[in-house]
Amino acid sequence: MCDSAPEHPPPPAGSAARGNAFGRCPVSAVPAGEASAEVLVPHWLTAEHRAGLTAVVQEALAGCQLHPVLAIRLADVLTELHVAAARDAVWPTSAARVRLAAGWEADVLPVRLSASELDGVLALSSLPDELRGVLATGARA
């Protein structure tokens, strides 16, 4: 018999079936070679380039000539364009520090794209050459 309190409190009613003996979700390492989340790389684009990218992607999605996987990736690009603006509205100092250090204009924002999203955008024939160069080389707009 033990006089001390248990090391972990008992799990709430009904939670024992979902976790380990202490009601927590089991945790394990991802096996080597398993697919993982893609890395998002920031592409610093001016407002003009973001507007151009938005127009090209919307035009491609409206055309209905896309493979479904490419359409999903391009929809994700549109989402990131909106998120980039929202991120700057909520946390303006992060991008502002980079712009200040680099000497960039106030309208330059990071648009974070995965490799597959970038490949999808670069595959669009209607992408302007200047924007294609900025995205392909990772250079600042």
C-alpha atoms as a PDB file:
ATOM      1  CA  MET A   1       0.000   0.000   0.000  1.00  0.00           C
ATOM      2  CA  CYS A   2       1.289   3.452  -0.886  1.00  0.00           C
ATOM      3  CA  ASP A   3       0.575   6.582   1.166  1.00  0.00           C
ATOM      4  CA  SER A   4       1.703   9.091  -1.487  1.00  0.00           C
ATOM      5  CA  ALA A   5      -0.412  10.528  -4.285  1.00  0.00           C
ATOM      6  CA  PRO A   6      -0.134   8.826  -7.665  1.00  0.00           C
ATOM      7  CA  GLU A   7       2.467  10.259 -10.036  1.00  0.00           C
ATOM      8  CA  HIS A   8      -0.205  11.077 -12.622  1.00  0.00           C
ATOM      9  CA  PRO A   9      -3.872  11.778 -11.947  1.00  0.00           C
ATOM     10  CA  PRO A  10      -6.338   9.302 -13.426  1.00  0.00           C
ATOM     11  CA  PRO A  11      -7.595  10.107 -16.932  1.00  0.00           C
ATOM     12  CA  PRO A  12     -10.953  11.831 -17.335  1.00  0.00           C
ATOM     13  CA  ALA A  13     -13.884   9.509 -17.862  1.00  0.00           C
ATOM     14  CA  GLY A  14     -14.060   8.194 -21.401  1.00  0.00           C
ATOM     15  CA  SER A  15     -10.535   9.234 -22.398  1.00  0.00           C
ATOM     16  CA  ALA A  16      -8.661   6.028 -21.584  1.00  0.00           C
ATOM     17  CA  ALA A  17      -9.547   4.483 -24.933  1.00  0.00           C
ATOM     18  CA  ARG A  18      -7.939   7.341 -26.859  1.00  0.00           C
ATOM     19  CA  GLY A  19      -4.554   7.594 -25.206  1.00  0.00           C
ATOM     20  CA  ASN A  20      -2.067   5.810 -23.032  1.00  0.00           C
ATOM     21  CA  ALA A  21      -2.653   4.851 -19.418  1.00  0.00           C
ATOM     22  CA  PHE A  22      -2.493   8.505 -18.379  1.00  0.00           C
ATOM     23  CA  GLY A  23      -5.056   9.750 -20.916  1.00  0.00           C
ATOM     24  CA  ARG A  24      -2.434  11.355 -23.159  1.00  0.00           C
ATOM     25  CA  CYS A  25      -2.107  10.809 -26.879  1.00  0.00           C
ATOM     26  CA  PRO A  26       0.681   8.401 -27.740  1.00  0.00           C
ATOM     27  CA  VAL A  27       3.739  10.030 -29.287  1.00  0.00           C
ATOM     28  CA  SER A  28       6.225   8.404 -31.609  1.00  0.00           C
ATOM     29  CA  ALA A  29       8.981   9.490 -33.941  1.00  0.00           C
ATOM     30  CA  VAL A  30       8.351   9.562 -37.669  1.00  0.00           C
ATOM     31  CA  PRO A  31      10.138   6.610 -39.267  1.00  0.00           C
ATOM     32  CA  ALA A  32      13.042   7.457 -41.559  1.00  0.00           C
ATOM     33  CA  GLY A  33      11.998   7.804 -45.156  1.00  0.00           C
ATOM     34  CA  GLU A  34       8.429   8.809 -44.383  1.00  0.00           C
ATOM     35  CA  ALA A  35       6.910  11.775 -46.159  1.00  0.00           C
ATOM     36  CA  SER A  36       7.068  14.967 -44.131  1.00  0.00           C
ATOM     37  CA  ALA A  37       5.673  18.450 -44.451  1.00  0.00           C
ATOM     38  CA  GLU A  38       7.181  20.461 -47.263  1.00  0.00           C
ATOM     39  CA  VAL A  39       9.443  23.371 -46.442  1.00  0.00           C
ATOM     40  CA  LEU A  40       7.970  26.766 -47.255  1.00  0.00           C
ATOM     41  CA  VAL A  41      10.517  29.165 -48.721  1.00  0.00           C
ATOM     42  CA  PRO A  42       9.852  32.917 -48.571  1.00  0.00           C
ATOM     43  CA  HIS A  43       9.869  34.777 -51.879  1.00  0.00           C
ATOM     44  CA  TRP A  44      10.046  38.514 -51.225  1.00  0.00           C
ATOM     45  CA  LEU A  45       7.590  40.099 -53.675  1.00  0.00           C
ATOM     46  CA  THR A  46       6.433  43.656 -54.224  1.00  0.00           C
ATOM     47  CA  ALA A  47       2.724  44.502 -54.197  1.00  0.00           C
ATOM     48  CA  GLU A  48       2.835  44.699 -58.004  1.00  0.00           C
ATOM     49  CA  HIS A  49       4.330  41.214 -58.285  1.00  0.00           C
ATOM     50  CA  ARG A  50       1.841  39.794 -55.777  1.00  0.00           C
ATOM     51  CA  ALA A  51      -1.044  41.315 -57.741  1.00  0.00           C
ATOM     52  CA  GLY A  52       0.373  39.915 -60.987  1.00  0.00           C
ATOM     53  CA  LEU A  53       0.832  36.472 -59.462  1.00  0.00           C
ATOM     54  CA  THR A  54      -2.718  36.550 -58.119  1.00  0.00           C
ATOM     55  CA  ALA A  55      -4.107  37.457 -61.548  1.00  0.00           C
ATOM     56  CA  VAL A  56      -2.125  34.736 -63.356  1.00  0.00           C
ATOM     57  CA  VAL A  57      -3.129  32.045 -60.861  1.00  0.00           C
ATOM     58  CA  GLN A  58      -6.792  33.082 -60.886  1.00  0.00           C
ATOM     59  CA  GLU A  59      -6.780  33.062 -64.693  1.00  0.00           C
ATOM     60  CA  ALA A  60      -5.273  29.567 -64.728  1.00  0.00           C
ATOM     61  CA  LEU A  61      -7.823  28.266 -62.224  1.00  0.00           C
ATOM     62  CA  ALA A  62     -10.701  29.789 -64.198  1.00  0.00           C
ATOM     63  CA  GLY A  63      -9.502  28.108 -67.405  1.00  0.00           C
ATOM     64  CA  CYS A  64     -10.420  24.575 -66.284  1.00  0.00           C
ATOM     65  CA  GLN A  65      -7.512  23.102 -68.287  1.00  0.00           C
ATOM     66  CA  LEU A  66      -5.469  22.110 -65.235  1.00  0.00           C
ATOM     67  CA  HIS A  67      -4.639  18.772 -63.713  1.00  0.00           C
ATOM     68  CA  PRO A  68      -6.559  18.506 -60.411  1.00  0.00           C
ATOM     69  CA  VAL A  69      -3.358  18.295 -58.345  1.00  0.00           C
ATOM     70  CA  LEU A  70      -1.982  21.430 -60.000  1.00  0.00           C
ATOM     71  CA  ALA A  71      -5.291  23.195 -59.358  1.00  0.00           C
ATOM     72  CA  ILE A  72      -5.002  22.377 -55.646  1.00  0.00           C
ATOM     73  CA  ARG A  73      -1.429  23.676 -55.534  1.00  0.00           C
ATOM     74  CA  LEU A  74      -2.406  26.888 -57.287  1.00  0.00           C
ATOM     75  CA  ALA A  75      -5.318  27.352 -54.895  1.00  0.00           C
ATOM     76  CA  ASP A  76      -2.778  26.995 -52.082  1.00  0.00           C
ATOM     77  CA  VAL A  77      -0.696  29.748 -53.720  1.00  0.00           C
ATOM     78  CA  LEU A  78      -3.722  32.058 -53.684  1.00  0.00           C
ATOM     79  CA  THR A  79      -4.262  31.232 -50.029  1.00  0.00           C
ATOM     80  CA  GLU A  80      -0.634  32.055 -49.222  1.00  0.00           C
ATOM     81  CA  LEU A  81      -0.914  35.381 -51.028  1.00  0.00           C
ATOM     82  CA  HIS A  82      -3.801  36.291 -48.713  1.00  0.00           C
ATOM     83  CA  VAL A  83      -1.986  34.901 -45.675  1.00  0.00           C
ATOM     84  CA  ALA A  84       1.113  36.974 -46.482  1.00  0.00           C
ATOM     85  CA  ALA A  85      -0.924  40.174 -46.336  1.00  0.00           C
ATOM     86  CA  ALA A  86      -2.712  39.072 -43.166  1.00  0.00           C
ATOM     87  CA  ARG A  87       0.576  38.038 -41.526  1.00  0.00           C
ATOM     88  CA  ASP A  88       2.003  41.495 -42.205  1.00  0.00           C
ATOM     89  CA  ALA A  89      -1.115  43.157 -40.763  1.00  0.00           C
ATOM     90  CA  VAL A  90      -0.943  41.091 -37.563  1.00  0.00           C
ATOM     91  CA  TRP A  91       2.846  40.888 -37.134  1.00  0.00           C
ATOM     92  CA  PRO A  92       4.279  43.822 -39.105  1.00  0.00           C
ATOM     93  CA  THR A  93       7.640  44.033 -37.356  1.00  0.00           C
ATOM     94  CA  SER A  94       9.064  40.740 -38.686  1.00  0.00           C
ATOM     95  CA  ALA A  95       8.942  41.720 -42.346  1.00  0.00           C
ATOM     96  CA  ALA A  96       9.678  45.366 -41.521  1.00  0.00           C
ATOM     97  CA  ARG A  97      13.015  44.405 -39.934  1.00  0.00           C
ATOM     98  CA  VAL A  98      14.034  42.433 -43.022  1.00  0.00           C
ATOM     99  CA  ARG A  99      12.942  45.251 -45.353  1.00  0.00           C
ATOM    100  CA  LEU A 100      14.850  47.811 -43.283  1.00  0.00           C
ATOM    101  CA  ALA A 101      18.010  45.703 -43.188  1.00  0.00           C
ATOM    102  CA  ALA A 102      17.848  44.962 -46.900  1.00  0.00           C
ATOM    103  CA  GLY A 103      16.823  48.464 -47.971  1.00  0.00           C
ATOM    104  CA  TRP A 104      13.598  47.280 -49.610  1.00  0.00           C
ATOM    105  CA  GLU A 105      10.396  49.252 -50.078  1.00  0.00           C
ATOM    106  CA  ALA A 106       7.519  48.967 -47.594  1.00  0.00           C
ATOM    107  CA  ASP A 107       5.337  46.970 -50.003  1.00  0.00           C
ATOM    108  CA  VAL A 108       7.718  43.981 -50.165  1.00  0.00           C
ATOM    109  CA  LEU A 109       6.335  40.944 -48.323  1.00  0.00           C
ATOM    110  CA  PRO A 110       7.390  37.305 -48.014  1.00  0.00           C
ATOM    111  CA  VAL A 111       5.160  34.883 -49.889  1.00  0.00           C
ATOM    112  CA  ARG A 112       6.003  31.418 -48.598  1.00  0.00           C
ATOM    113  CA  LEU A 113       5.775  28.679 -51.209  1.00  0.00           C
ATOM    114  CA  SER A 114       6.575  24.986 -51.160  1.00  0.00           C
ATOM    115  CA  ALA A 115       8.638  23.471 -53.967  1.00  0.00           C
ATOM    116  CA  SER A 116       5.531  21.897 -55.507  1.00  0.00           C
ATOM    117  CA  GLU A 117       3.620  25.181 -55.362  1.00  0.00           C
ATOM    118  CA  LEU A 118       6.548  27.006 -56.948  1.00  0.00           C
ATOM    119  CA  ASP A 119       6.809  24.361 -59.679  1.00  0.00           C
ATOM    120  CA  GLY A 120       3.091  24.749 -60.360  1.00  0.00           C
ATOM    121  CA  VAL A 121       3.392  28.516 -60.713  1.00  0.00           C
ATOM    122  CA  LEU A 122       6.492  28.272 -62.906  1.00  0.00           C
ATOM    123  CA  ALA A 123       4.644  25.813 -65.177  1.00  0.00           C
ATOM    124  CA  LEU A 124       2.095  28.485 -66.096  1.00  0.00           C
ATOM    125  CA  SER A 125       2.856  29.817 -69.567  1.00  0.00           C
ATOM    126  CA  SER A 126       1.094  33.113 -68.805  1.00  0.00           C
ATOM    127  CA  LEU A 127       3.491  33.965 -65.947  1.00  0.00           C
ATOM    128  CA  PRO A 128       5.344  37.189 -66.867  1.00  0.00           C
ATOM    129  CA  ASP A 129       9.070  36.708 -67.505  1.00  0.00           C
ATOM    130  CA  GLU A 130      10.111  39.204 -64.828  1.00  0.00           C
ATOM    131  CA  LEU A 131       8.050  37.449 -62.158  1.00  0.00           C
ATOM    132  CA  ARG A 132       9.218  34.047 -63.398  1.00  0.00           C
ATOM    133  CA  GLY A 133      12.818  35.200 -62.946  1.00  0.00           C
ATOM    134  CA  VAL A 134      12.178  36.520 -59.438  1.00  0.00           C
ATOM    135  CA  LEU A 135      10.480  33.288 -58.359  1.00  0.00           C
ATOM    136  CA  ALA A 136      12.887  30.929 -60.117  1.00  0.00           C
ATOM    137  CA  THR A 137      16.060  32.510 -58.762  1.00  0.00           C
ATOM    138  CA  GLY A 138      14.774  33.458 -55.332  1.00  0.00           C
ATOM    139  CA  ALA A 139      15.920  37.029 -55.941  1.00  0.00           C
ATOM    140  CA  ARG A 140      14.085  39.853 -54.235  1.00  0.00           C
ATOM    141  CA  ALA A 141      11.503  41.543 -56.424  1.00  0.00           C
END
